[in-house]
Amino acid sequence: MSMFQVDSTQVAGASAAVSTSGSRLRAEVASMMTQLTALNSGWQGSAQLSFTECITQWQAVQTQVEEALDSISTRLMAASRTYEEAEAQAQSLFAR
């Protein structure tokens, strides 16, 4: 027998918080990348090439982090809706 207790509003709030954090993270990363890519205009040589490669690798990981945050937010919102719908459906069984 399944038994659960959940505050769907709290779950929805967590979804919104994750989404907000993701947006802030994207803004911070964009600002940082502007500063880092500005270095390329006056920097040449093997160290610069290695630096650029490092940034490229980091961007790939950062993209994965952003996608994970989006997924978490989406899934939390879906869970919140599912719990709300289940409660509404159970309640309707007893409505006259």
PDB file of N, CA and C in Angstrom:
ATOM      1  N   MET A   1       0.841  -1.174   0.000  1.00  0.00           N
ATOM      2  CA  MET A   1       0.000   0.000   0.000  1.00  0.00           C
ATOM      3  C   MET A   1       0.888   1.240   0.000  1.00  0.00           C
ATOM      4  N   SER A   2       0.601   2.132  -0.913  1.00  0.00           N
ATOM      5  CA  SER A   2       1.361   3.381  -0.990  1.00  0.00           C
ATOM      6  C   SER A   2       0.838   4.376   0.018  1.00  0.00           C
ATOM      7  N   MET A   3       1.775   5.088   0.606  1.00  0.00           N
ATOM      8  CA  MET A   3       1.408   6.136   1.537  1.00  0.00           C
ATOM      9  C   MET A   3       2.388   7.274   1.348  1.00  0.00           C
ATOM     10  N   PHE A   4       1.872   8.476   1.181  1.00  0.00           N
ATOM     11  CA  PHE A   4       2.773   9.608   1.051  1.00  0.00           C
ATOM     12  C   PHE A   4       2.129  10.856   1.616  1.00  0.00           C
ATOM     13  N   GLN A   5       2.986  11.755   2.002  1.00  0.00           N
ATOM     14  CA  GLN A   5       2.537  13.062   2.453  1.00  0.00           C
ATOM     15  C   GLN A   5       3.497  14.066   1.840  1.00  0.00           C
ATOM     16  N   VAL A   6       2.961  15.024   1.147  1.00  0.00           N
ATOM     17  CA  VAL A   6       3.811  15.993   0.470  1.00  0.00           C
ATOM     18  C   VAL A   6       3.092  17.335   0.410  1.00  0.00           C
ATOM     19  N   ASP A   7       3.861  18.382   0.500  1.00  0.00           N
ATOM     20  CA  ASP A   7       3.333  19.731   0.320  1.00  0.00           C
ATOM     21  C   ASP A   7       3.665  20.135  -1.110  1.00  0.00           C
ATOM     22  N   SER A   8       2.686  20.019  -1.997  1.00  0.00           N
ATOM     23  CA  SER A   8       2.940  20.289  -3.413  1.00  0.00           C
ATOM     24  C   SER A   8       3.358  21.738  -3.648  1.00  0.00           C
ATOM     25  N   THR A   9       2.907  22.639  -2.804  1.00  0.00           N
ATOM     26  CA  THR A   9       3.321  24.041  -2.914  1.00  0.00           C
ATOM     27  C   THR A   9       4.808  24.185  -2.615  1.00  0.00           C
ATOM     28  N   GLN A  10       5.271  23.441  -1.630  1.00  0.00           N
ATOM     29  CA  GLN A  10       6.695  23.469  -1.291  1.00  0.00           C
ATOM     30  C   GLN A  10       7.535  22.880  -2.426  1.00  0.00           C
ATOM     31  N   VAL A  11       7.053  21.823  -3.040  1.00  0.00           N
ATOM     32  CA  VAL A  11       7.759  21.219  -4.172  1.00  0.00           C
ATOM     33  C   VAL A  11       7.804  22.204  -5.341  1.00  0.00           C
ATOM     34  N   ALA A  12       6.693  22.877  -5.608  1.00  0.00           N
ATOM     35  CA  ALA A  12       6.664  23.886  -6.677  1.00  0.00           C
ATOM     36  C   ALA A  12       7.614  25.033  -6.355  1.00  0.00           C
ATOM     37  N   GLY A  13       7.679  25.417  -5.087  1.00  0.00           N
ATOM     38  CA  GLY A  13       8.608  26.466  -4.670  1.00  0.00           C
ATOM     39  C   GLY A  13      10.049  26.065  -4.877  1.00  0.00           C
ATOM     40  N   ALA A  14      10.346  24.804  -4.610  1.00  0.00           N
ATOM     41  CA  ALA A  14      11.707  24.306  -4.840  1.00  0.00           C
ATOM     42  C   ALA A  14      12.034  24.342  -6.326  1.00  0.00           C
ATOM     43  N   SER A  15      11.063  24.017  -7.150  1.00  0.00           N
ATOM     44  CA  SER A  15      11.257  24.087  -8.597  1.00  0.00           C
ATOM     45  C   SER A  15      11.600  25.509  -9.023  1.00  0.00           C
ATOM     46  N   ALA A  16      10.852  26.468  -8.505  1.00  0.00           N
ATOM     47  CA  ALA A  16      11.102  27.876  -8.836  1.00  0.00           C
ATOM     48  C   ALA A  16      12.472  28.321  -8.338  1.00  0.00           C
ATOM     49  N   ALA A  17      12.860  27.861  -7.151  1.00  0.00           N
ATOM     50  CA  ALA A  17      14.165  28.235  -6.597  1.00  0.00           C
ATOM     51  C   ALA A  17      15.304  27.689  -7.450  1.00  0.00           C
ATOM     52  N   VAL A  18      15.165  26.454  -7.902  1.00  0.00           N
ATOM     53  CA  VAL A  18      16.193  25.859  -8.766  1.00  0.00           C
ATOM     54  C   VAL A  18      16.271  26.628 -10.079  1.00  0.00           C
ATOM     55  N   SER A  19      15.124  26.972 -10.621  1.00  0.00           N
ATOM     56  CA  SER A  19      15.086  27.732 -11.869  1.00  0.00           C
ATOM     57  C   SER A  19      15.752  29.099 -11.701  1.00  0.00           C
ATOM     58  N   THR A  20      15.459  29.768 -10.598  1.00  0.00           N
ATOM     59  CA  THR A  20      16.071  31.067 -10.315  1.00  0.00           C
ATOM     60  C   THR A  20      17.579  30.937 -10.153  1.00  0.00           C
ATOM     61  N   SER A  21      18.011  29.909  -9.452  1.00  0.00           N
ATOM     62  CA  SER A  21      19.451  29.674  -9.287  1.00  0.00           C
ATOM     63  C   SER A  21      20.118  29.444 -10.633  1.00  0.00           C
ATOM     64  N   GLY A  22      19.459  28.685 -11.489  1.00  0.00           N
ATOM     65  CA  GLY A  22      20.000  28.441 -12.827  1.00  0.00           C
ATOM     66  C   GLY A  22      20.137  29.725 -13.623  1.00  0.00           C
ATOM     67  N   SER A  23      19.152  30.595 -13.510  1.00  0.00           N
ATOM     68  CA  SER A  23      19.206  31.881 -14.218  1.00  0.00           C
ATOM     69  C   SER A  23      20.343  32.752 -13.698  1.00  0.00           C
ATOM     70  N   ARG A  24      20.498  32.790 -12.380  1.00  0.00           N
ATOM     71  CA  ARG A  24      21.603  33.570 -11.801  1.00  0.00           C
ATOM     72  C   ARG A  24      22.947  33.000 -12.228  1.00  0.00           C
ATOM     73  N   LEU A  25      23.041  31.687 -12.233  1.00  0.00           N
ATOM     74  CA  LEU A  25      24.281  31.032 -12.644  1.00  0.00           C
ATOM     75  C   LEU A  25      24.612  31.378 -14.091  1.00  0.00           C
ATOM     76  N   ARG A  26      23.615  31.325 -14.963  1.00  0.00           N
ATOM     77  CA  ARG A  26      23.842  31.672 -16.372  1.00  0.00           C
ATOM     78  C   ARG A  26      24.342  33.113 -16.515  1.00  0.00           C
ATOM     79  N   ALA A  27      23.746  34.021 -15.755  1.00  0.00           N
ATOM     80  CA  ALA A  27      24.157  35.429 -15.828  1.00  0.00           C
ATOM     81  C   ALA A  27      25.592  35.608 -15.340  1.00  0.00           C
ATOM     82  N   GLU A  28      25.943  34.960 -14.255  1.00  0.00           N
ATOM     83  CA  GLU A  28      27.309  35.049 -13.725  1.00  0.00           C
ATOM     84  C   GLU A  28      28.315  34.461 -14.707  1.00  0.00           C
ATOM     85  N   VAL A  29      27.959  33.337 -15.287  1.00  0.00           N
ATOM     86  CA  VAL A  29      28.851  32.687 -16.252  1.00  0.00           C
ATOM     87  C   VAL A  29      29.029  33.569 -17.480  1.00  0.00           C
ATOM     88  N   ALA A  30      27.957  34.171 -17.954  1.00  0.00           N
ATOM     89  CA  ALA A  30      28.058  35.050 -19.122  1.00  0.00           C
ATOM     90  C   ALA A  30      28.991  36.221 -18.835  1.00  0.00           C
ATOM     91  N   SER A  31      28.875  36.789 -17.652  1.00  0.00           N
ATOM     92  CA  SER A  31      29.749  37.899 -17.264  1.00  0.00           C
ATOM     93  C   SER A  31      31.207  37.450 -17.194  1.00  0.00           C
ATOM     94  N   MET A  32      31.428  36.309 -16.584  1.00  0.00           N
ATOM     95  CA  MET A  32      32.783  35.782 -16.472  1.00  0.00           C
ATOM     96  C   MET A  32      33.368  35.476 -17.846  1.00  0.00           C
ATOM     97  N   MET A  33      32.556  34.885 -18.725  1.00  0.00           N
ATOM     98  CA  MET A  33      33.051  34.536 -20.054  1.00  0.00           C
ATOM     99  C   MET A  33      33.412  35.778 -20.858  1.00  0.00           C
ATOM    100  N   THR A  34      32.682  36.859 -20.669  1.00  0.00           N
ATOM    101  CA  THR A  34      33.020  38.113 -21.342  1.00  0.00           C
ATOM    102  C   THR A  34      34.419  38.561 -20.937  1.00  0.00           C
ATOM    103  N   GLN A  35      34.704  38.474 -19.654  1.00  0.00           N
ATOM    104  CA  GLN A  35      36.024  38.865 -19.157  1.00  0.00           C
ATOM    105  C   GLN A  35      37.114  37.924 -19.656  1.00  0.00           C
ATOM    106  N   LEU A  36      36.838  36.638 -19.642  1.00  0.00           N
ATOM    107  CA  LEU A  36      37.858  35.667 -20.051  1.00  0.00           C
ATOM    108  C   LEU A  36      38.146  35.729 -21.545  1.00  0.00           C
ATOM    109  N   THR A  37      37.108  35.864 -22.347  1.00  0.00           N
ATOM    110  CA  THR A  37      37.339  35.912 -23.790  1.00  0.00           C
ATOM    111  C   THR A  37      38.021  37.214 -24.205  1.00  0.00           C
ATOM    112  N   ALA A  38      37.872  38.259 -23.404  1.00  0.00           N
ATOM    113  CA  ALA A  38      38.569  39.518 -23.692  1.00  0.00           C
ATOM    114  C   ALA A  38      40.084  39.338 -23.615  1.00  0.00           C
ATOM    115  N   LEU A  39      40.536  38.367 -22.853  1.00  0.00           N
ATOM    116  CA  LEU A  39      41.972  38.093 -22.751  1.00  0.00           C
ATOM    117  C   LEU A  39      42.560  37.656 -24.088  1.00  0.00           C
ATOM    118  N   ASN A  40      41.764  37.015 -24.910  1.00  0.00           N
ATOM    119  CA  ASN A  40      42.263  36.474 -26.178  1.00  0.00           C
ATOM    120  C   ASN A  40      42.740  37.550 -27.150  1.00  0.00           C
ATOM    121  N   SER A  41      42.204  38.761 -27.038  1.00  0.00           N
ATOM    122  CA  SER A  41      42.578  39.800 -28.000  1.00  0.00           C
ATOM    123  C   SER A  41      44.041  40.220 -27.876  1.00  0.00           C
ATOM    124  N   GLY A  42      44.608  40.128 -26.703  1.00  0.00           N
ATOM    125  CA  GLY A  42      45.995  40.549 -26.539  1.00  0.00           C
ATOM    126  C   GLY A  42      46.931  39.441 -26.093  1.00  0.00           C
ATOM    127  N   TRP A  43      46.515  38.214 -26.266  1.00  0.00           N
ATOM    128  CA  TRP A  43      47.309  37.089 -25.759  1.00  0.00           C
ATOM    129  C   TRP A  43      47.526  36.111 -26.897  1.00  0.00           C
ATOM    130  N   GLN A  44      48.775  35.780 -27.130  1.00  0.00           N
ATOM    131  CA  GLN A  44      49.117  34.821 -28.178  1.00  0.00           C
ATOM    132  C   GLN A  44      50.124  33.825 -27.627  1.00  0.00           C
ATOM    133  N   GLY A  45      50.137  32.669 -28.243  1.00  0.00           N
ATOM    134  CA  GLY A  45      51.120  31.662 -27.866  1.00  0.00           C
ATOM    135  C   GLY A  45      50.476  30.392 -27.354  1.00  0.00           C
ATOM    136  N   SER A  46      51.336  29.467 -26.957  1.00  0.00           N
ATOM    137  CA  SER A  46      50.850  28.151 -26.543  1.00  0.00           C
ATOM    138  C   SER A  46      50.057  28.216 -25.242  1.00  0.00           C
ATOM    139  N   ALA A  47      50.422  29.115 -24.350  1.00  0.00           N
ATOM    140  CA  ALA A  47      49.664  29.243 -23.101  1.00  0.00           C
ATOM    141  C   ALA A  47      48.238  29.711 -23.390  1.00  0.00           C
ATOM    142  N   GLN A  48      48.111  30.639 -24.324  1.00  0.00           N
ATOM    143  CA  GLN A  48      46.782  31.123 -24.696  1.00  0.00           C
ATOM    144  C   GLN A  48      45.959  30.008 -25.318  1.00  0.00           C
ATOM    145  N   LEU A  49      46.586  29.199 -26.153  1.00  0.00           N
ATOM    146  CA  LEU A  49      45.869  28.075 -26.771  1.00  0.00           C
ATOM    147  C   LEU A  49      45.402  27.080 -25.711  1.00  0.00           C
ATOM    148  N   SER A  50      46.261  26.800 -24.740  1.00  0.00           N
ATOM    149  CA  SER A  50      45.886  25.892 -23.650  1.00  0.00           C
ATOM    150  C   SER A  50      44.756  26.486 -22.815  1.00  0.00           C
ATOM    151  N   PHE A  51      44.832  27.792 -22.583  1.00  0.00           N
ATOM    152  CA  PHE A  51      43.790  28.486 -21.837  1.00  0.00           C
ATOM    153  C   PHE A  51      42.450  28.382 -22.567  1.00  0.00           C
ATOM    154  N   THR A  52      42.470  28.613 -23.870  1.00  0.00           N
ATOM    155  CA  THR A  52      41.252  28.524 -24.676  1.00  0.00           C
ATOM    156  C   THR A  52      40.678  27.111 -24.630  1.00  0.00           C
ATOM    157  N   GLU A  53      41.538  26.114 -24.688  1.00  0.00           N
ATOM    158  CA  GLU A  53      41.083  24.721 -24.598  1.00  0.00           C
ATOM    159  C   GLU A  53      40.451  24.454 -23.236  1.00  0.00           C
ATOM    160  N   CYS A  54      41.063  24.985 -22.198  1.00  0.00           N
ATOM    161  CA  CYS A  54      40.527  24.823 -20.845  1.00  0.00           C
ATOM    162  C   CYS A  54      39.136  25.450 -20.738  1.00  0.00           C
ATOM    163  N   ILE A  55      38.978  26.637 -21.293  1.00  0.00           N
ATOM    164  CA  ILE A  55      37.674  27.308 -21.276  1.00  0.00           C
ATOM    165  C   ILE A  55      36.636  26.490 -22.039  1.00  0.00           C
ATOM    166  N   THR A  56      37.028  25.951 -23.168  1.00  0.00           N
ATOM    167  CA  THR A  56      36.109  25.142 -23.974  1.00  0.00           C
ATOM    168  C   THR A  56      35.643  23.918 -23.192  1.00  0.00           C
ATOM    169  N   GLN A  57      36.566  23.264 -22.503  1.00  0.00           N
ATOM    170  CA  GLN A  57      36.207  22.105 -21.689  1.00  0.00           C
ATOM    171  C   GLN A  57      35.278  22.519 -20.550  1.00  0.00           C
ATOM    172  N   TRP A  58      35.601  23.632 -19.925  1.00  0.00           N
ATOM    173  CA  TRP A  58      34.779  24.114 -18.827  1.00  0.00           C
ATOM    174  C   TRP A  58      33.370  24.445 -19.307  1.00  0.00           C
ATOM    175  N   GLN A  59      33.258  25.067 -20.473  1.00  0.00           N
ATOM    176  CA  GLN A  59      31.939  25.407 -21.016  1.00  0.00           C
ATOM    177  C   GLN A  59      31.094  24.156 -21.243  1.00  0.00           C
ATOM    178  N   ALA A  60      31.722  23.075 -21.668  1.00  0.00           N
ATOM    179  CA  ALA A  60      30.984  21.825 -21.878  1.00  0.00           C
ATOM    180  C   ALA A  60      30.417  21.315 -20.555  1.00  0.00           C
ATOM    181  N   VAL A  61      31.216  21.381 -19.511  1.00  0.00           N
ATOM    182  CA  VAL A  61      30.751  20.943 -18.192  1.00  0.00           C
ATOM    183  C   VAL A  61      29.665  21.891 -17.683  1.00  0.00           C
ATOM    184  N   GLN A  62      29.862  23.181 -17.881  1.00  0.00           N
ATOM    185  CA  GLN A  62      28.880  24.168 -17.452  1.00  0.00           C
ATOM    186  C   GLN A  62      27.536  23.939 -18.147  1.00  0.00           C
ATOM    187  N   THR A  63      27.574  23.592 -19.408  1.00  0.00           N
ATOM    188  CA  THR A  63      26.345  23.286 -20.141  1.00  0.00           C
ATOM    189  C   THR A  63      25.632  22.100 -19.505  1.00  0.00           C
ATOM    190  N   GLN A  64      26.393  21.090 -19.095  1.00  0.00           N
ATOM    191  CA  GLN A  64      25.795  19.928 -18.428  1.00  0.00           C
ATOM    192  C   GLN A  64      25.144  20.335 -17.106  1.00  0.00           C
ATOM    193  N   VAL A  65      25.799  21.218 -16.363  1.00  0.00           N
ATOM    194  CA  VAL A  65      25.238  21.694 -15.095  1.00  0.00           C
ATOM    195  C   VAL A  65      23.922  22.436 -15.347  1.00  0.00           C
ATOM    196  N   GLU A  66      23.917  23.316 -16.336  1.00  0.00           N
ATOM    197  CA  GLU A  66      22.699  24.062 -16.662  1.00  0.00           C
ATOM    198  C   GLU A  66      21.573  23.124 -17.075  1.00  0.00           C
ATOM    199  N   GLU A  67      21.887  22.130 -17.887  1.00  0.00           N
ATOM    200  CA  GLU A  67      20.874  21.163 -18.315  1.00  0.00           C
ATOM    201  C   GLU A  67      20.348  20.364 -17.129  1.00  0.00           C
ATOM    202  N   ALA A  68      21.233  20.012 -16.201  1.00  0.00           N
ATOM    203  CA  ALA A  68      20.806  19.271 -15.013  1.00  0.00           C
ATOM    204  C   ALA A  68      19.875  20.126 -14.151  1.00  0.00           C
ATOM    205  N   LEU A  69      20.208  21.398 -13.973  1.00  0.00           N
ATOM    206  CA  LEU A  69      19.337  22.286 -13.201  1.00  0.00           C
ATOM    207  C   LEU A  69      17.973  22.444 -13.866  1.00  0.00           C
ATOM    208  N   ASP A  70      17.966  22.595 -15.177  1.00  0.00           N
ATOM    209  CA  ASP A  70      16.696  22.688 -15.907  1.00  0.00           C
ATOM    210  C   ASP A  70      15.863  21.425 -15.708  1.00  0.00           C
ATOM    211  N   SER A  71      16.522  20.280 -15.778  1.00  0.00           N
ATOM    212  CA  SER A  71      15.831  19.003 -15.611  1.00  0.00           C
ATOM    213  C   SER A  71      15.262  18.860 -14.200  1.00  0.00           C
ATOM    214  N   ILE A  72      16.046  19.234 -13.204  1.00  0.00           N
ATOM    215  CA  ILE A  72      15.579  19.154 -11.817  1.00  0.00           C
ATOM    216  C   ILE A  72      14.355  20.042 -11.627  1.00  0.00           C
ATOM    217  N   SER A  73      14.432  21.265 -12.118  1.00  0.00           N
ATOM    218  CA  SER A  73      13.312  22.200 -11.982  1.00  0.00           C
ATOM    219  C   SER A  73      12.059  21.661 -12.671  1.00  0.00           C
ATOM    220  N   THR A  74      12.222  21.170 -13.881  1.00  0.00           N
ATOM    221  CA  THR A  74      11.091  20.632 -14.640  1.00  0.00           C
ATOM    222  C   THR A  74      10.468  19.438 -13.927  1.00  0.00           C
ATOM    223  N   ARG A  75      11.297  18.557 -13.418  1.00  0.00           N
ATOM    224  CA  ARG A  75      10.788  17.353 -12.748  1.00  0.00           C
ATOM    225  C   ARG A  75      10.105  17.689 -11.424  1.00  0.00           C
ATOM    226  N   LEU A  76      10.660  18.653 -10.698  1.00  0.00           N
ATOM    227  CA  LEU A  76      10.000  19.067  -9.459  1.00  0.00           C
ATOM    228  C   LEU A  76       8.623  19.656  -9.746  1.00  0.00           C
ATOM    229  N   MET A  77       8.531  20.480 -10.779  1.00  0.00           N
ATOM    230  CA  MET A  77       7.236  21.076 -11.125  1.00  0.00           C
ATOM    231  C   MET A  77       6.249  19.992 -11.554  1.00  0.00           C
ATOM    232  N   ALA A  78       6.723  19.024 -12.326  1.00  0.00           N
ATOM    233  CA  ALA A  78       5.852  17.920 -12.747  1.00  0.00           C
ATOM    234  C   ALA A  78       5.383  17.113 -11.537  1.00  0.00           C
ATOM    235  N   ALA A  79       6.275  16.880 -10.586  1.00  0.00           N
ATOM    236  CA  ALA A  79       5.898  16.146  -9.376  1.00  0.00           C
ATOM    237  C   ALA A  79       4.849  16.924  -8.589  1.00  0.00           C
ATOM    238  N   SER A  80       5.040  18.226  -8.473  1.00  0.00           N
ATOM    239  CA  SER A  80       4.072  19.060  -7.755  1.00  0.00           C
ATOM    240  C   SER A  80       2.691  18.959  -8.399  1.00  0.00           C
ATOM    241  N   ARG A  81       2.657  19.071  -9.709  1.00  0.00           N
ATOM    242  CA  ARG A  81       1.371  18.981 -10.421  1.00  0.00           C
ATOM    243  C   ARG A  81       0.736  17.600 -10.252  1.00  0.00           C
ATOM    244  N   THR A  82       1.565  16.568 -10.326  1.00  0.00           N
ATOM    245  CA  THR A  82       1.062  15.203 -10.180  1.00  0.00           C
ATOM    246  C   THR A  82       0.427  15.004  -8.811  1.00  0.00           C
ATOM    247  N   TYR A  83       1.089  15.496  -7.756  1.00  0.00           N
ATOM    248  CA  TYR A  83       0.529  15.374  -6.409  1.00  0.00           C
ATOM    249  C   TYR A  83      -0.764  16.176  -6.277  1.00  0.00           C
ATOM    250  N   GLU A  84      -0.798  17.376  -6.845  1.00  0.00           N
ATOM    251  CA  GLU A  84      -2.020  18.184  -6.791  1.00  0.00           C
ATOM    252  C   GLU A  84      -3.168  17.484  -7.510  1.00  0.00           C
ATOM    253  N   GLU A  85      -2.889  16.922  -8.680  1.00  0.00           N
ATOM    254  CA  GLU A  85      -3.919  16.222  -9.451  1.00  0.00           C
ATOM    255  C   GLU A  85      -4.408  14.975  -8.725  1.00  0.00           C
ATOM    256  N   ALA A  86      -3.488  14.238  -8.106  1.00  0.00           N
ATOM    257  CA  ALA A  86      -3.878  13.030  -7.372  1.00  0.00           C
ATOM    258  C   ALA A  86      -4.785  13.388  -6.202  1.00  0.00           C
ATOM    259  N   GLU A  87      -4.453  14.446  -5.501  1.00  0.00           N
ATOM    260  CA  GLU A  87      -5.279  14.876  -4.367  1.00  0.00           C
ATOM    261  C   GLU A  87      -6.653  15.332  -4.841  1.00  0.00           C
ATOM    262  N   ALA A  88      -6.684  16.095  -5.928  1.00  0.00           N
ATOM    263  CA  ALA A  88      -7.968  16.565  -6.465  1.00  0.00           C
ATOM    264  C   ALA A  88      -8.826  15.391  -6.927  1.00  0.00           C
ATOM    265  N   GLN A  89      -8.194  14.423  -7.541  1.00  0.00           N
ATOM    266  CA  GLN A  89      -8.941  13.256  -8.011  1.00  0.00           C
ATOM    267  C   GLN A  89      -9.483  12.451  -6.832  1.00  0.00           C
ATOM    268  N   ALA A  90      -8.670  12.245  -5.811  1.00  0.00           N
ATOM    269  CA  ALA A  90      -9.128  11.502  -4.637  1.00  0.00           C
ATOM    270  C   ALA A  90     -10.266  12.250  -3.945  1.00  0.00           C
ATOM    271  N   GLN A  91     -10.138  13.564  -3.858  1.00  0.00           N
ATOM    272  CA  GLN A  91     -11.187  14.368  -3.234  1.00  0.00           C
ATOM    273  C   GLN A  91     -12.492  14.269  -4.024  1.00  0.00           C
ATOM    274  N   SER A  92     -12.396  14.258  -5.346  1.00  0.00           N
ATOM    275  CA  SER A  92     -13.607  14.200  -6.175  1.00  0.00           C
ATOM    276  C   SER A  92     -14.359  12.883  -6.005  1.00  0.00           C
ATOM    277  N   LEU A  93     -13.674  11.853  -5.573  1.00  0.00           N
ATOM    278  CA  LEU A  93     -14.335  10.567  -5.344  1.00  0.00           C
ATOM    279  C   LEU A  93     -15.373  10.655  -4.231  1.00  0.00           C
ATOM    280  N   PHE A  94     -15.191  11.612  -3.336  1.00  0.00           N
ATOM    281  CA  PHE A  94     -16.090  11.734  -2.192  1.00  0.00           C
ATOM    282  C   PHE A  94     -17.028  12.934  -2.298  1.00  0.00           C
ATOM    283  N   ALA A  95     -16.926  13.666  -3.387  1.00  0.00           N
ATOM    284  CA  ALA A  95     -17.793  14.836  -3.573  1.00  0.00           C
ATOM    285  C   ALA A  95     -19.173  14.386  -4.017  1.00  0.00           C
ATOM    286  N   ARG A  96     -20.165  15.116  -3.622  1.00  0.00           N
ATOM    287  CA  ARG A  96     -21.539  14.783  -4.019  1.00  0.00           C
ATOM    288  C   ARG A  96     -22.021  15.712  -5.056  1.00  0.00           C
TER     289      ARG A  96
END
